[in-house]
């Protein structure tokens, strides 16, 4: 699970360990015992954050105008395709 420092809690880490989920969470600066994390994998989290930021540029997604899940998912697909086309057209 990729998460930021806000999720650095012993209870969350213990729950993830019970479920056999690897926690890629950097430790807070005030943590006494430093916990190592996979820095290369953590850098991938930034890509996900940027993608959600691009999707939320679309007002219909940010405010979730659609009441039905299928309608909302369709809008997410359209926004994702529009975002993807920028890269395909540039190449």
PDB file of N, CA and C in Angstrom:
ATOM      1  N   UNK A   1       0.840  -1.160   0.000  1.00  0.00           N
ATOM      2  CA  UNK A   1       0.000   0.000   0.000  1.00  0.00           C
ATOM      3  C   UNK A   1       0.890   1.230   0.000  1.00  0.00           C
ATOM      4  N   UNK A   2       0.685   2.082  -0.975  1.00  0.00           N
ATOM      5  CA  UNK A   2       1.415   3.338  -1.047  1.00  0.00           C
ATOM      6  C   UNK A   2       0.621   4.409  -0.318  1.00  0.00           C
ATOM      7  N   UNK A   3       1.246   5.057   0.622  1.00  0.00           N
ATOM      8  CA  UNK A   3       0.557   6.105   1.384  1.00  0.00           C
ATOM      9  C   UNK A   3       1.576   7.140   1.840  1.00  0.00           C
ATOM     10  N   UNK A   4       1.088   8.316   2.201  1.00  0.00           N
ATOM     11  CA  UNK A   4       1.994   9.361   2.667  1.00  0.00           C
ATOM     12  C   UNK A   4       2.177   9.278   4.181  1.00  0.00           C
ATOM     13  N   UNK A   5       2.909  10.231   4.728  1.00  0.00           N
ATOM     14  CA  UNK A   5       3.255  10.203   6.144  1.00  0.00           C
ATOM     15  C   UNK A   5       2.048  10.293   7.070  1.00  0.00           C
ATOM     16  N   UNK A   6       0.937  10.776   6.568  1.00  0.00           N
ATOM     17  CA  UNK A   6      -0.277  10.868   7.381  1.00  0.00           C
ATOM     18  C   UNK A   6      -0.795   9.504   7.826  1.00  0.00           C
ATOM     19  N   UNK A   7      -0.404   8.451   7.119  1.00  0.00           N
ATOM     20  CA  UNK A   7      -0.843   7.098   7.455  1.00  0.00           C
ATOM     21  C   UNK A   7       0.208   6.334   8.244  1.00  0.00           C
ATOM     22  N   UNK A   8       1.213   7.019   8.748  1.00  0.00           N
ATOM     23  CA  UNK A   8       2.267   6.371   9.532  1.00  0.00           C
ATOM     24  C   UNK A   8       1.795   6.202  10.976  1.00  0.00           C
ATOM     25  N   UNK A   9       1.128   5.096  11.220  1.00  0.00           N
ATOM     26  CA  UNK A   9       0.668   4.761  12.576  1.00  0.00           C
ATOM     27  C   UNK A   9       0.908   3.275  12.793  1.00  0.00           C
ATOM     28  N   UNK A  10       1.261   2.922  14.003  1.00  0.00           N
ATOM     29  CA  UNK A  10       1.531   1.519  14.302  1.00  0.00           C
ATOM     30  C   UNK A  10       0.307   0.641  14.075  1.00  0.00           C
ATOM     31  N   UNK A  11      -0.876   1.155  14.376  1.00  0.00           N
ATOM     32  CA  UNK A  11      -2.102   0.375  14.192  1.00  0.00           C
ATOM     33  C   UNK A  11      -2.347   0.076  12.713  1.00  0.00           C
ATOM     34  N   UNK A  12      -2.112   1.061  11.851  1.00  0.00           N
ATOM     35  CA  UNK A  12      -2.301   0.854  10.415  1.00  0.00           C
ATOM     36  C   UNK A  12      -1.277  -0.134   9.891  1.00  0.00           C
ATOM     37  N   UNK A  13      -0.039   0.018  10.333  1.00  0.00           N
ATOM     38  CA  UNK A  13       1.012  -0.914   9.891  1.00  0.00           C
ATOM     39  C   UNK A  13       0.728  -2.339  10.366  1.00  0.00           C
ATOM     40  N   UNK A  14       0.226  -2.482  11.576  1.00  0.00           N
ATOM     41  CA  UNK A  14      -0.094  -3.814  12.097  1.00  0.00           C
ATOM     42  C   UNK A  14      -1.243  -4.445  11.312  1.00  0.00           C
ATOM     43  N   UNK A  15      -2.259  -3.647  10.984  1.00  0.00           N
ATOM     44  CA  UNK A  15      -3.386  -4.153  10.203  1.00  0.00           C
ATOM     45  C   UNK A  15      -2.938  -4.602   8.824  1.00  0.00           C
ATOM     46  N   UNK A  16      -2.073  -3.826   8.193  1.00  0.00           N
ATOM     47  CA  UNK A  16      -1.558  -4.208   6.886  1.00  0.00           C
ATOM     48  C   UNK A  16      -0.710  -5.472   6.963  1.00  0.00           C
ATOM     49  N   UNK A  17       0.071  -5.611   8.018  1.00  0.00           N
ATOM     50  CA  UNK A  17       0.905  -6.809   8.191  1.00  0.00           C
ATOM     51  C   UNK A  17       0.040  -8.053   8.379  1.00  0.00           C
ATOM     52  N   UNK A  18      -1.078  -7.923   9.103  1.00  0.00           N
ATOM     53  CA  UNK A  18      -1.999  -9.057   9.275  1.00  0.00           C
ATOM     54  C   UNK A  18      -2.566  -9.522   7.947  1.00  0.00           C
ATOM     55  N   UNK A  19      -2.793  -8.577   7.059  1.00  0.00           N
ATOM     56  CA  UNK A  19      -3.374  -8.894   5.752  1.00  0.00           C
ATOM     57  C   UNK A  19      -2.323  -9.230   4.705  1.00  0.00           C
ATOM     58  N   UNK A  20      -1.062  -9.320   5.108  1.00  0.00           N
ATOM     59  CA  UNK A  20       0.061  -9.596   4.209  1.00  0.00           C
ATOM     60  C   UNK A  20       0.184  -8.549   3.103  1.00  0.00           C
ATOM     61  N   UNK A  21       0.015  -7.284   3.464  1.00  0.00           N
ATOM     62  CA  UNK A  21       0.137  -6.168   2.541  1.00  0.00           C
ATOM     63  C   UNK A  21       1.401  -5.400   2.910  1.00  0.00           C
ATOM     64  N   UNK A  22       2.244  -5.171   1.919  1.00  0.00           N
ATOM     65  CA  UNK A  22       3.471  -4.421   2.175  1.00  0.00           C
ATOM     66  C   UNK A  22       3.143  -2.937   2.311  1.00  0.00           C
ATOM     67  N   UNK A  23       3.574  -2.349   3.388  1.00  0.00           N
ATOM     68  CA  UNK A  23       3.335  -0.925   3.635  1.00  0.00           C
ATOM     69  C   UNK A  23       4.517  -0.123   3.109  1.00  0.00           C
ATOM     70  N   UNK A  24       4.259   0.730   2.127  1.00  0.00           N
ATOM     71  CA  UNK A  24       5.283   1.638   1.614  1.00  0.00           C
ATOM     72  C   UNK A  24       4.882   3.029   2.093  1.00  0.00           C
ATOM     73  N   UNK A  25       5.188   3.275   3.370  1.00  0.00           N
ATOM     74  CA  UNK A  25       4.806   4.509   4.036  1.00  0.00           C
ATOM     75  C   UNK A  25       6.052   5.071   4.720  1.00  0.00           C
ATOM     76  N   UNK A  26       6.482   6.262   4.331  1.00  0.00           N
ATOM     77  CA  UNK A  26       7.642   6.829   5.030  1.00  0.00           C
ATOM     78  C   UNK A  26       7.263   7.195   6.462  1.00  0.00           C
ATOM     79  N   UNK A  27       8.228   7.083   7.359  1.00  0.00           N
ATOM     80  CA  UNK A  27       7.977   7.412   8.755  1.00  0.00           C
ATOM     81  C   UNK A  27       7.925   8.913   8.984  1.00  0.00           C
ATOM     82  N   UNK A  28       7.163   9.306   9.970  1.00  0.00           N
ATOM     83  CA  UNK A  28       7.106  10.722  10.334  1.00  0.00           C
ATOM     84  C   UNK A  28       8.439  11.149  10.923  1.00  0.00           C
ATOM     85  N   UNK A  29       8.686  12.434  10.909  1.00  0.00           N
ATOM     86  CA  UNK A  29       9.973  12.938  11.390  1.00  0.00           C
ATOM     87  C   UNK A  29      10.115  12.780  12.899  1.00  0.00           C
ATOM     88  N   UNK A  30       9.009  12.703  13.637  1.00  0.00           N
ATOM     89  CA  UNK A  30       9.096  12.581  15.087  1.00  0.00           C
ATOM     90  C   UNK A  30       9.067  11.131  15.566  1.00  0.00           C
ATOM     91  N   UNK A  31       9.126  10.177  14.665  1.00  0.00           N
ATOM     92  CA  UNK A  31       9.136   8.759  15.042  1.00  0.00           C
ATOM     93  C   UNK A  31      10.493   8.414  15.629  1.00  0.00           C
ATOM     94  N   UNK A  32      10.481   7.771  16.774  1.00  0.00           N
ATOM     95  CA  UNK A  32      11.746   7.438  17.455  1.00  0.00           C
ATOM     96  C   UNK A  32      12.517   6.369  16.717  1.00  0.00           C
ATOM     97  N   UNK A  33      11.824   5.300  16.320  1.00  0.00           N
ATOM     98  CA  UNK A  33      12.470   4.221  15.584  1.00  0.00           C
ATOM     99  C   UNK A  33      12.185   4.437  14.099  1.00  0.00           C
ATOM    100  N   UNK A  34      13.223   4.660  13.330  1.00  0.00           N
ATOM    101  CA  UNK A  34      13.066   4.916  11.911  1.00  0.00           C
ATOM    102  C   UNK A  34      12.673   3.627  11.189  1.00  0.00           C
ATOM    103  N   UNK A  35      11.719   3.746  10.281  1.00  0.00           N
ATOM    104  CA  UNK A  35      11.236   2.603   9.519  1.00  0.00           C
ATOM    105  C   UNK A  35      11.623   2.819   8.057  1.00  0.00           C
ATOM    106  N   UNK A  36      12.279   1.817   7.482  1.00  0.00           N
ATOM    107  CA  UNK A  36      12.678   1.908   6.081  1.00  0.00           C
ATOM    108  C   UNK A  36      11.480   1.666   5.175  1.00  0.00           C
ATOM    109  N   UNK A  37      11.510   2.290   4.016  1.00  0.00           N
ATOM    110  CA  UNK A  37      10.489   2.051   3.011  1.00  0.00           C
ATOM    111  C   UNK A  37      11.153   2.033   1.641  1.00  0.00           C
ATOM    112  N   UNK A  38      10.482   1.465   0.680  1.00  0.00           N
ATOM    113  CA  UNK A  38      10.994   1.347  -0.677  1.00  0.00           C
ATOM    114  C   UNK A  38      10.845   2.707  -1.364  1.00  0.00           C
ATOM    115  N   UNK A  39      11.944   3.438  -1.477  1.00  0.00           N
ATOM    116  CA  UNK A  39      11.889   4.793  -2.032  1.00  0.00           C
ATOM    117  C   UNK A  39      11.504   4.791  -3.512  1.00  0.00           C
ATOM    118  N   UNK A  40      11.996   3.834  -4.271  1.00  0.00           N
ATOM    119  CA  UNK A  40      11.675   3.789  -5.704  1.00  0.00           C
ATOM    120  C   UNK A  40      10.186   3.553  -5.918  1.00  0.00           C
ATOM    121  N   UNK A  41       9.608   2.676  -5.132  1.00  0.00           N
ATOM    122  CA  UNK A  41       8.174   2.401  -5.246  1.00  0.00           C
ATOM    123  C   UNK A  41       7.360   3.584  -4.746  1.00  0.00           C
ATOM    124  N   UNK A  42       7.839   4.253  -3.722  1.00  0.00           N
ATOM    125  CA  UNK A  42       7.121   5.412  -3.183  1.00  0.00           C
ATOM    126  C   UNK A  42       7.067   6.557  -4.190  1.00  0.00           C
ATOM    127  N   UNK A  43       8.089   6.694  -5.016  1.00  0.00           N
ATOM    128  CA  UNK A  43       8.095   7.747  -6.029  1.00  0.00           C
ATOM    129  C   UNK A  43       6.974   7.540  -7.047  1.00  0.00           C
ATOM    130  N   UNK A  44       6.541   6.292  -7.246  1.00  0.00           N
ATOM    131  CA  UNK A  44       5.448   6.014  -8.176  1.00  0.00           C
ATOM    132  C   UNK A  44       4.135   6.597  -7.680  1.00  0.00           C
ATOM    133  N   UNK A  45       4.016   6.816  -6.378  1.00  0.00           N
ATOM    134  CA  UNK A  45       2.807   7.391  -5.794  1.00  0.00           C
ATOM    135  C   UNK A  45       2.535   8.776  -6.370  1.00  0.00           C
ATOM    136  N   UNK A  46       3.580   9.510  -6.683  1.00  0.00           N
ATOM    137  CA  UNK A  46       3.434  10.844  -7.240  1.00  0.00           C
ATOM    138  C   UNK A  46       2.689  10.809  -8.573  1.00  0.00           C
ATOM    139  N   UNK A  47       2.930   9.806  -9.388  1.00  0.00           N
ATOM    140  CA  UNK A  47       2.224   9.674 -10.663  1.00  0.00           C
ATOM    141  C   UNK A  47       0.729   9.506 -10.439  1.00  0.00           C
ATOM    142  N   UNK A  48       0.376   8.722  -9.460  1.00  0.00           N
ATOM    143  CA  UNK A  48      -1.034   8.494  -9.162  1.00  0.00           C
ATOM    144  C   UNK A  48      -1.679   9.784  -8.682  1.00  0.00           C
ATOM    145  N   UNK A  49      -1.002  10.517  -7.811  1.00  0.00           N
ATOM    146  CA  UNK A  49      -1.529  11.782  -7.306  1.00  0.00           C
ATOM    147  C   UNK A  49      -1.733  12.796  -8.437  1.00  0.00           C
ATOM    148  N   UNK A  50      -0.784  12.855  -9.368  1.00  0.00           N
ATOM    149  CA  UNK A  50      -0.913  13.781 -10.497  1.00  0.00           C
ATOM    150  C   UNK A  50      -2.068  13.387 -11.403  1.00  0.00           C
ATOM    151  N   UNK A  51      -2.265  12.079 -11.608  1.00  0.00           N
ATOM    152  CA  UNK A  51      -3.361  11.630 -12.455  1.00  0.00           C
ATOM    153  C   UNK A  51      -4.708  12.018 -11.848  1.00  0.00           C
ATOM    154  N   UNK A  52      -4.883  11.820 -10.540  1.00  0.00           N
ATOM    155  CA  UNK A  52      -6.125  12.230  -9.898  1.00  0.00           C
ATOM    156  C   UNK A  52      -6.310  13.741  -9.966  1.00  0.00           C
ATOM    157  N   UNK A  53      -5.231  14.483  -9.859  1.00  0.00           N
ATOM    158  CA  UNK A  53      -5.315  15.926  -9.992  1.00  0.00           C
ATOM    159  C   UNK A  53      -5.789  16.336 -11.376  1.00  0.00           C
ATOM    160  N   UNK A  54      -5.294  15.647 -12.411  1.00  0.00           N
ATOM    161  CA  UNK A  54      -5.733  15.935 -13.775  1.00  0.00           C
ATOM    162  C   UNK A  54      -7.202  15.577 -13.976  1.00  0.00           C
ATOM    163  N   UNK A  55      -7.626  14.466 -13.387  1.00  0.00           N
ATOM    164  CA  UNK A  55      -9.034  14.076 -13.523  1.00  0.00           C
ATOM    165  C   UNK A  55      -9.956  15.074 -12.838  1.00  0.00           C
ATOM    166  N   UNK A  56      -9.507  15.629 -11.720  1.00  0.00           N
ATOM    167  CA  UNK A  56     -10.359  16.552 -10.972  1.00  0.00           C
ATOM    168  C   UNK A  56     -10.436  17.934 -11.604  1.00  0.00           C
ATOM    169  N   UNK A  57      -9.664  18.159 -12.670  1.00  0.00           N
ATOM    170  CA  UNK A  57      -9.826  19.396 -13.424  1.00  0.00           C
ATOM    171  C   UNK A  57     -11.219  19.431 -14.043  1.00  0.00           C
ATOM    172  N   UNK A  58     -11.720  18.252 -14.409  1.00  0.00           N
ATOM    173  CA  UNK A  58     -13.072  18.162 -14.951  1.00  0.00           C
ATOM    174  C   UNK A  58     -14.066  18.388 -13.818  1.00  0.00           C
ATOM    175  N   UNK A  59     -14.854  19.394 -13.962  1.00  0.00           N
ATOM    176  CA  UNK A  59     -15.779  19.802 -12.907  1.00  0.00           C
ATOM    177  C   UNK A  59     -16.781  18.701 -12.557  1.00  0.00           C
ATOM    178  N   UNK A  60     -17.233  17.952 -13.549  1.00  0.00           N
ATOM    179  CA  UNK A  60     -18.217  16.899 -13.309  1.00  0.00           C
ATOM    180  C   UNK A  60     -17.657  15.789 -12.427  1.00  0.00           C
ATOM    181  N   UNK A  61     -16.364  15.567 -12.485  1.00  0.00           N
ATOM    182  CA  UNK A  61     -15.754  14.529 -11.654  1.00  0.00           C
ATOM    183  C   UNK A  61     -15.455  15.078 -10.263  1.00  0.00           C
ATOM    184  N   UNK A  62     -14.956  16.295 -10.196  1.00  0.00           N
ATOM    185  CA  UNK A  62     -14.586  16.873  -8.908  1.00  0.00           C
ATOM    186  C   UNK A  62     -15.798  17.042  -7.999  1.00  0.00           C
ATOM    187  N   UNK A  63     -16.945  17.416  -8.573  1.00  0.00           N
ATOM    188  CA  UNK A  63     -18.135  17.640  -7.754  1.00  0.00           C
ATOM    189  C   UNK A  63     -19.099  16.463  -7.781  1.00  0.00           C
ATOM    190  N   UNK A  64     -18.833  15.497  -8.624  1.00  0.00           N
ATOM    191  CA  UNK A  64     -19.648  14.291  -8.800  1.00  0.00           C
ATOM    192  C   UNK A  64     -21.122  14.634  -9.015  1.00  0.00           C
ATOM    193  N   UNK A  65     -21.382  15.226 -10.176  1.00  0.00           N
ATOM    194  CA  UNK A  65     -22.746  15.569 -10.552  1.00  0.00           C
ATOM    195  C   UNK A  65     -23.601  14.321 -10.779  1.00  0.00           C
ATOM    196  N   UNK A  66     -22.995  13.288 -11.331  1.00  0.00           N
ATOM    197  CA  UNK A  66     -23.747  12.070 -11.659  1.00  0.00           C
ATOM    198  C   UNK A  66     -24.150  11.334 -10.394  1.00  0.00           C
ATOM    199  N   UNK A  67     -25.415  10.910 -10.352  1.00  0.00           N
ATOM    200  CA  UNK A  67     -25.896  10.205  -9.174  1.00  0.00           C
ATOM    201  C   UNK A  67     -25.690   8.700  -9.290  1.00  0.00           C
ATOM    202  N   UNK A  68     -25.705   8.194 -10.498  1.00  0.00           N
ATOM    203  CA  UNK A  68     -25.524   6.759 -10.700  1.00  0.00           C
ATOM    204  C   UNK A  68     -24.048   6.427 -10.874  1.00  0.00           C
ATOM    205  N   UNK A  69     -23.653   5.295 -10.345  1.00  0.00           N
ATOM    206  CA  UNK A  69     -22.248   4.885 -10.425  1.00  0.00           C
ATOM    207  C   UNK A  69     -21.821   4.682 -11.875  1.00  0.00           C
ATOM    208  N   UNK A  70     -22.697   4.122 -12.705  1.00  0.00           N
ATOM    209  CA  UNK A  70     -22.348   3.902 -14.112  1.00  0.00           C
ATOM    210  C   UNK A  70     -22.113   5.219 -14.843  1.00  0.00           C
ATOM    211  N   UNK A  71     -22.920   6.211 -14.584  1.00  0.00           N
ATOM    212  CA  UNK A  71     -22.745   7.516 -15.224  1.00  0.00           C
ATOM    213  C   UNK A  71     -21.437   8.158 -14.789  1.00  0.00           C
ATOM    214  N   UNK A  72     -21.128   8.060 -13.497  1.00  0.00           N
ATOM    215  CA  UNK A  72     -19.888   8.638 -12.985  1.00  0.00           C
ATOM    216  C   UNK A  72     -18.685   7.920 -13.576  1.00  0.00           C
ATOM    217  N   UNK A  73     -18.755   6.593 -13.648  1.00  0.00           N
ATOM    218  CA  UNK A  73     -17.653   5.818 -14.212  1.00  0.00           C
ATOM    219  C   UNK A  73     -17.458   6.152 -15.690  1.00  0.00           C
ATOM    220  N   UNK A  74     -18.547   6.358 -16.408  1.00  0.00           N
ATOM    221  CA  UNK A  74     -18.439   6.759 -17.803  1.00  0.00           C
ATOM    222  C   UNK A  74     -17.734   8.097 -17.948  1.00  0.00           C
ATOM    223  N   UNK A  75     -18.051   9.029 -17.062  1.00  0.00           N
ATOM    224  CA  UNK A  75     -17.390  10.334 -17.100  1.00  0.00           C
ATOM    225  C   UNK A  75     -15.904  10.200 -16.771  1.00  0.00           C
ATOM    226  N   UNK A  76     -15.571   9.331 -15.841  1.00  0.00           N
ATOM    227  CA  UNK A  76     -14.159   9.088 -15.512  1.00  0.00           C
ATOM    228  C   UNK A  76     -13.444   8.500 -16.728  1.00  0.00           C
ATOM    229  N   UNK A  77     -14.099   7.586 -17.438  1.00  0.00           N
ATOM    230  CA  UNK A  77     -13.501   7.007 -18.646  1.00  0.00           C
ATOM    231  C   UNK A  77     -13.264   8.076 -19.713  1.00  0.00           C
ATOM    232  N   UNK A  78     -14.247   8.948 -19.906  1.00  0.00           N
ATOM    233  CA  UNK A  78     -14.077  10.026 -20.883  1.00  0.00           C
ATOM    234  C   UNK A  78     -12.931  10.962 -20.501  1.00  0.00           C
ATOM    235  N   UNK A  79     -12.857  11.328 -19.228  1.00  0.00           N
ATOM    236  CA  UNK A  79     -11.793  12.224 -18.773  1.00  0.00           C
ATOM    237  C   UNK A  79     -10.421  11.566 -18.893  1.00  0.00           C
ATOM    238  N   UNK A  80     -10.369  10.266 -18.606  1.00  0.00           N
ATOM    239  CA  UNK A  80      -9.102   9.539 -18.714  1.00  0.00           C
ATOM    240  C   UNK A  80      -8.666   9.446 -20.175  1.00  0.00           C
ATOM    241  N   UNK A  81      -9.614   9.170 -21.069  1.00  0.00           N
ATOM    242  CA  UNK A  81      -9.287   9.102 -22.496  1.00  0.00           C
ATOM    243  C   UNK A  81      -8.805  10.462 -23.000  1.00  0.00           C
ATOM    244  N   UNK A  82      -9.437  11.513 -22.551  1.00  0.00           N
ATOM    245  CA  UNK A  82      -9.036  12.866 -22.952  1.00  0.00           C
ATOM    246  C   UNK A  82      -7.621  13.179 -22.468  1.00  0.00           C
ATOM    247  N   UNK A  83      -7.317  12.771 -21.254  1.00  0.00           N
ATOM    248  CA  UNK A  83      -5.975  12.964 -20.688  1.00  0.00           C
ATOM    249  C   UNK A  83      -4.947  12.144 -21.465  1.00  0.00           C
ATOM    250  N   UNK A  84      -5.307  10.902 -21.812  1.00  0.00           N
ATOM    251  CA  UNK A  84      -4.415  10.005 -22.530  1.00  0.00           C
ATOM    252  C   UNK A  84      -4.131  10.517 -23.935  1.00  0.00           C
ATOM    253  N   UNK A  85      -5.139  11.121 -24.565  1.00  0.00           N
ATOM    254  CA  UNK A  85      -4.969  11.606 -25.932  1.00  0.00           C
ATOM    255  C   UNK A  85      -3.909  12.710 -26.033  1.00  0.00           C
ATOM    256  N   UNK A  86      -3.709  13.461 -24.984  1.00  0.00           N
ATOM    257  CA  UNK A  86      -2.670  14.489 -24.984  1.00  0.00           C
ATOM    258  C   UNK A  86      -1.297  13.867 -25.245  1.00  0.00           C
ATOM    259  N   UNK A  87      -1.048  12.713 -24.640  1.00  0.00           N
ATOM    260  CA  UNK A  87       0.246  12.061 -24.782  1.00  0.00           C
ATOM    261  C   UNK A  87       0.381  11.367 -26.135  1.00  0.00           C
ATOM    262  N   UNK A  88      -0.700  10.783 -26.621  1.00  0.00           N
ATOM    263  CA  UNK A  88      -0.662  10.096 -27.906  1.00  0.00           C
ATOM    264  C   UNK A  88      -0.487  11.111 -29.022  1.00  0.00           C
ATOM    265  N   UNK A  89      -1.203  12.219 -28.928  1.00  0.00           N
ATOM    266  CA  UNK A  89      -1.112  13.244 -29.966  1.00  0.00           C
ATOM    267  C   UNK A  89       0.272  13.888 -29.982  1.00  0.00           C
ATOM    268  N   UNK A  90       0.888  14.034 -28.826  1.00  0.00           N
ATOM    269  CA  UNK A  90       2.208  14.662 -28.740  1.00  0.00           C
ATOM    270  C   UNK A  90       3.293  13.765 -29.335  1.00  0.00           C
ATOM    271  N   UNK A  91       3.067  12.452 -29.327  1.00  0.00           N
ATOM    272  CA  UNK A  91       4.077  11.514 -29.838  1.00  0.00           C
ATOM    273  C   UNK A  91       3.970  11.381 -31.296  1.00  0.00           C
TER     274      UNK A  91
END
